[in-house]
Amino acid sequence: MLDFKIESLNLKPPPSISANHFRDVQHIATHVLIYKTVSYSEVVVLWI
């Protein structure tokens, strides 16, 4: 989980996505990783 936290700090929201929405995606992605072990990059692609 520590690796995910470090990696997520380096990610920037795409210009077309508001900061609030990006935080929501990060929150959802965290839970997906916990329960489904899906990579964060895959979750971002699904939500764009």
PDB file of N, CA and C in Angstrom:
ATOM      1  N   MET A   1       0.839  -1.200   0.000  1.00  0.00           N
ATOM      2  CA  MET A   1       0.000   0.000   0.000  1.00  0.00           C
ATOM      3  C   MET A   1       0.872   1.247   0.000  1.00  0.00           C
ATOM      4  N   LEU A   2       2.023   1.157   0.634  1.00  0.00           N
ATOM      5  CA  LEU A   2       2.934   2.304   0.675  1.00  0.00           C
ATOM      6  C   LEU A   2       3.387   2.681  -0.729  1.00  0.00           C
ATOM      7  N   ASP A   3       3.676   1.670  -1.561  1.00  0.00           N
ATOM      8  CA  ASP A   3       4.093   1.944  -2.937  1.00  0.00           C
ATOM      9  C   ASP A   3       3.002   2.694  -3.692  1.00  0.00           C
ATOM     10  N   PHE A   4       1.752   2.312  -3.474  1.00  0.00           N
ATOM     11  CA  PHE A   4       0.633   2.978  -4.152  1.00  0.00           C
ATOM     12  C   PHE A   4       0.552   4.438  -3.721  1.00  0.00           C
ATOM     13  N   LYS A   5       0.720   4.707  -2.425  1.00  0.00           N
ATOM     14  CA  LYS A   5       0.629   6.082  -1.924  1.00  0.00           C
ATOM     15  C   LYS A   5       1.719   6.948  -2.546  1.00  0.00           C
ATOM     16  N   ILE A   6       2.934   6.426  -2.628  1.00  0.00           N
ATOM     17  CA  ILE A   6       4.034   7.185  -3.221  1.00  0.00           C
ATOM     18  C   ILE A   6       3.748   7.451  -4.697  1.00  0.00           C
ATOM     19  N   GLU A   7       3.269   6.440  -5.400  1.00  0.00           N
ATOM     20  CA  GLU A   7       2.980   6.583  -6.825  1.00  0.00           C
ATOM     21  C   GLU A   7       1.855   7.587  -7.057  1.00  0.00           C
ATOM     22  N   SER A   8       0.823   7.538  -6.230  1.00  0.00           N
ATOM     23  CA  SER A   8      -0.344   8.400  -6.433  1.00  0.00           C
ATOM     24  C   SER A   8       0.019   9.870  -6.244  1.00  0.00           C
ATOM     25  N   LEU A   9       1.015  10.149  -5.413  1.00  0.00           N
ATOM     26  CA  LEU A   9       1.424  11.537  -5.193  1.00  0.00           C
ATOM     27  C   LEU A   9       2.016  12.151  -6.455  1.00  0.00           C
ATOM     28  N   ASN A  10       2.555  11.318  -7.331  1.00  0.00           N
ATOM     29  CA  ASN A  10       3.185  11.812  -8.554  1.00  0.00           C
ATOM     30  C   ASN A  10       2.195  11.994  -9.699  1.00  0.00           C
ATOM     31  N   LEU A  11       0.973  11.511  -9.532  1.00  0.00           N
ATOM     32  CA  LEU A  11      -0.018  11.607 -10.600  1.00  0.00           C
ATOM     33  C   LEU A  11      -0.670  12.979 -10.605  1.00  0.00           C
ATOM     34  N   LYS A  12      -0.878  13.515 -11.811  1.00  0.00           N
ATOM     35  CA  LYS A  12      -1.543  14.809 -11.953  1.00  0.00           C
ATOM     36  C   LYS A  12      -2.869  14.609 -12.681  1.00  0.00           C
ATOM     37  N   PRO A  13      -3.918  15.313 -12.270  1.00  0.00           N
ATOM     38  CA  PRO A  13      -5.201  15.181 -12.955  1.00  0.00           C
ATOM     39  C   PRO A  13      -5.119  15.745 -14.366  1.00  0.00           C
ATOM     40  N   PRO A  14      -5.682  15.067 -15.354  1.00  0.00           N
ATOM     41  CA  PRO A  14      -5.718  15.608 -16.703  1.00  0.00           C
ATOM     42  C   PRO A  14      -6.456  16.943 -16.708  1.00  0.00           C
ATOM     43  N   PRO A  15      -6.075  17.869 -17.592  1.00  0.00           N
ATOM     44  CA  PRO A  15      -6.693  19.203 -17.617  1.00  0.00           C
ATOM     45  C   PRO A  15      -8.209  19.157 -17.766  1.00  0.00           C
ATOM     46  N   SER A  16      -8.715  18.124 -18.434  1.00  0.00           N
ATOM     47  CA  SER A  16     -10.151  18.039 -18.701  1.00  0.00           C
ATOM     48  C   SER A  16     -10.944  17.560 -17.485  1.00  0.00           C
ATOM     49  N   ILE A  17     -10.239  17.140 -16.434  1.00  0.00           N
ATOM     50  CA  ILE A  17     -10.917  16.628 -15.241  1.00  0.00           C
ATOM     51  C   ILE A  17     -10.665  17.580 -14.071  1.00  0.00           C
ATOM     52  N   SER A  18     -11.724  17.972 -13.396  1.00  0.00           N
ATOM     53  CA  SER A  18     -11.587  18.887 -12.265  1.00  0.00           C
ATOM     54  C   SER A  18     -10.820  18.212 -11.124  1.00  0.00           C
ATOM     55  N   ALA A  19     -10.226  19.040 -10.269  1.00  0.00           N
ATOM     56  CA  ALA A  19      -9.454  18.515  -9.145  1.00  0.00           C
ATOM     57  C   ALA A  19     -10.342  17.695  -8.212  1.00  0.00           C
ATOM     58  N   ASN A  20     -11.564  18.152  -7.989  1.00  0.00           N
ATOM     59  CA  ASN A  20     -12.471  17.421  -7.100  1.00  0.00           C
ATOM     60  C   ASN A  20     -12.798  16.049  -7.663  1.00  0.00           C
ATOM     61  N   HIS A  21     -13.068  15.988  -8.950  1.00  0.00           N
ATOM     62  CA  HIS A  21     -13.379  14.706  -9.582  1.00  0.00           C
ATOM     63  C   HIS A  21     -12.166  13.785  -9.506  1.00  0.00           C
ATOM     64  N   PHE A  22     -10.984  14.336  -9.727  1.00  0.00           N
ATOM     65  CA  PHE A  22      -9.774  13.514  -9.674  1.00  0.00           C
ATOM     66  C   PHE A  22      -9.581  12.931  -8.280  1.00  0.00           C
ATOM     67  N   ARG A  23      -9.858  13.716  -7.247  1.00  0.00           N
ATOM     68  CA  ARG A  23      -9.743  13.191  -5.878  1.00  0.00           C
ATOM     69  C   ARG A  23     -10.758  12.073  -5.652  1.00  0.00           C
ATOM     70  N   ASP A  24     -11.951  12.233  -6.210  1.00  0.00           N
ATOM     71  CA  ASP A  24     -12.952  11.168  -6.094  1.00  0.00           C
ATOM     72  C   ASP A  24     -12.446   9.891  -6.760  1.00  0.00           C
ATOM     73  N   VAL A  25     -11.838  10.038  -7.924  1.00  0.00           N
ATOM     74  CA  VAL A  25     -11.305   8.880  -8.640  1.00  0.00           C
ATOM     75  C   VAL A  25     -10.196   8.224  -7.825  1.00  0.00           C
ATOM     76  N   GLN A  26      -9.324   9.056  -7.220  1.00  0.00           N
ATOM     77  CA  GLN A  26      -8.260   8.497  -6.388  1.00  0.00           C
ATOM     78  C   GLN A  26      -8.857   7.695  -5.230  1.00  0.00           C
ATOM     79  N   HIS A  27      -9.899   8.229  -4.618  1.00  0.00           N
ATOM     80  CA  HIS A  27     -10.542   7.557  -3.485  1.00  0.00           C
ATOM     81  C   HIS A  27     -11.139   6.223  -3.932  1.00  0.00           C
ATOM     82  N   ILE A  28     -11.838   6.245  -5.057  1.00  0.00           N
ATOM     83  CA  ILE A  28     -12.437   5.018  -5.591  1.00  0.00           C
ATOM     84  C   ILE A  28     -11.341   4.017  -5.963  1.00  0.00           C
ATOM     85  N   ALA A  29     -10.302   4.515  -6.609  1.00  0.00           N
ATOM     86  CA  ALA A  29      -9.217   3.637  -7.045  1.00  0.00           C
ATOM     87  C   ALA A  29      -8.553   2.953  -5.854  1.00  0.00           C
ATOM     88  N   THR A  30      -8.430   3.679  -4.747  1.00  0.00           N
ATOM     89  CA  THR A  30      -7.834   3.095  -3.549  1.00  0.00           C
ATOM     90  C   THR A  30      -8.646   1.893  -3.080  1.00  0.00           C
ATOM     91  N   HIS A  31      -9.970   2.040  -3.064  1.00  0.00           N
ATOM     92  CA  HIS A  31     -10.818   0.937  -2.621  1.00  0.00           C
ATOM     93  C   HIS A  31     -10.806  -0.209  -3.628  1.00  0.00           C
ATOM     94  N   VAL A  32     -10.732   0.123  -4.897  1.00  0.00           N
ATOM     95  CA  VAL A  32     -10.652  -0.931  -5.909  1.00  0.00           C
ATOM     96  C   VAL A  32      -9.368  -1.726  -5.716  1.00  0.00           C
ATOM     97  N   LEU A  33      -8.261  -1.025  -5.432  1.00  0.00           N
ATOM     98  CA  LEU A  33      -6.997  -1.724  -5.209  1.00  0.00           C
ATOM     99  C   LEU A  33      -7.098  -2.640  -3.993  1.00  0.00           C
ATOM    100  N   ILE A  34      -7.764  -2.160  -2.958  1.00  0.00           N
ATOM    101  CA  ILE A  34      -7.867  -2.955  -1.737  1.00  0.00           C
ATOM    102  C   ILE A  34      -8.684  -4.222  -1.987  1.00  0.00           C
ATOM    103  N   TYR A  35      -9.792  -4.096  -2.723  1.00  0.00           N
ATOM    104  CA  TYR A  35     -10.717  -5.226  -2.866  1.00  0.00           C
ATOM    105  C   TYR A  35     -10.509  -6.035  -4.139  1.00  0.00           C
ATOM    106  N   LYS A  36      -9.994  -5.392  -5.179  1.00  0.00           N
ATOM    107  CA  LYS A  36      -9.910  -6.066  -6.472  1.00  0.00           C
ATOM    108  C   LYS A  36      -8.469  -6.223  -6.962  1.00  0.00           C
ATOM    109  N   THR A  37      -7.538  -5.530  -6.316  1.00  0.00           N
ATOM    110  CA  THR A  37      -6.136  -5.512  -6.733  1.00  0.00           C
ATOM    111  C   THR A  37      -5.992  -5.157  -8.212  1.00  0.00           C
ATOM    112  N   VAL A  38      -6.734  -4.143  -8.620  1.00  0.00           N
ATOM    113  CA  VAL A  38      -6.611  -3.618  -9.981  1.00  0.00           C
ATOM    114  C   VAL A  38      -5.585  -2.497  -9.944  1.00  0.00           C
ATOM    115  N   SER A  39      -4.765  -2.434 -10.974  1.00  0.00           N
ATOM    116  CA  SER A  39      -3.731  -1.401 -10.979  1.00  0.00           C
ATOM    117  C   SER A  39      -4.352  -0.013 -11.098  1.00  0.00           C
ATOM    118  N   TYR A  40      -3.715   0.970 -10.489  1.00  0.00           N
ATOM    119  CA  TYR A  40      -4.251   2.330 -10.476  1.00  0.00           C
ATOM    120  C   TYR A  40      -4.397   2.880 -11.888  1.00  0.00           C
ATOM    121  N   SER A  41      -3.446   2.606 -12.752  1.00  0.00           N
ATOM    122  CA  SER A  41      -3.506   3.137 -14.115  1.00  0.00           C
ATOM    123  C   SER A  41      -4.739   2.627 -14.853  1.00  0.00           C
ATOM    124  N   GLU A  42      -5.109   1.385 -14.617  1.00  0.00           N
ATOM    125  CA  GLU A  42      -6.304   0.825 -15.256  1.00  0.00           C
ATOM    126  C   GLU A  42      -7.563   1.529 -14.758  1.00  0.00           C
ATOM    127  N   VAL A  43      -7.590   1.837 -13.470  1.00  0.00           N
ATOM    128  CA  VAL A  43      -8.750   2.527 -12.899  1.00  0.00           C
ATOM    129  C   VAL A  43      -8.887   3.918 -13.501  1.00  0.00           C
ATOM    130  N   VAL A  44      -7.775   4.624 -13.645  1.00  0.00           N
ATOM    131  CA  VAL A  44      -7.801   5.967 -14.233  1.00  0.00           C
ATOM    132  C   VAL A  44      -8.351   5.907 -15.651  1.00  0.00           C
ATOM    133  N   VAL A  45      -7.902   4.933 -16.429  1.00  0.00           N
ATOM    134  CA  VAL A  45      -8.382   4.800 -17.805  1.00  0.00           C
ATOM    135  C   VAL A  45      -9.891   4.579 -17.825  1.00  0.00           C
ATOM    136  N   LEU A  46     -10.389   3.774 -16.901  1.00  0.00           N
ATOM    137  CA  LEU A  46     -11.821   3.485 -16.865  1.00  0.00           C
ATOM    138  C   LEU A  46     -12.649   4.719 -16.539  1.00  0.00           C
ATOM    139  N   TRP A  47     -12.068   5.669 -15.785  1.00  0.00           N
ATOM    140  CA  TRP A  47     -12.834   6.832 -15.321  1.00  0.00           C
ATOM    141  C   TRP A  47     -12.663   8.057 -16.206  1.00  0.00           C
ATOM    142  N   ILE A  48     -11.755   8.021 -17.169  1.00  0.00           N
ATOM    143  CA  ILE A  48     -11.549   9.186 -18.056  1.00  0.00           C
ATOM    144  C   ILE A  48     -12.655   9.216 -19.103  1.00  0.00           C
TER     145      ILE A  48
END
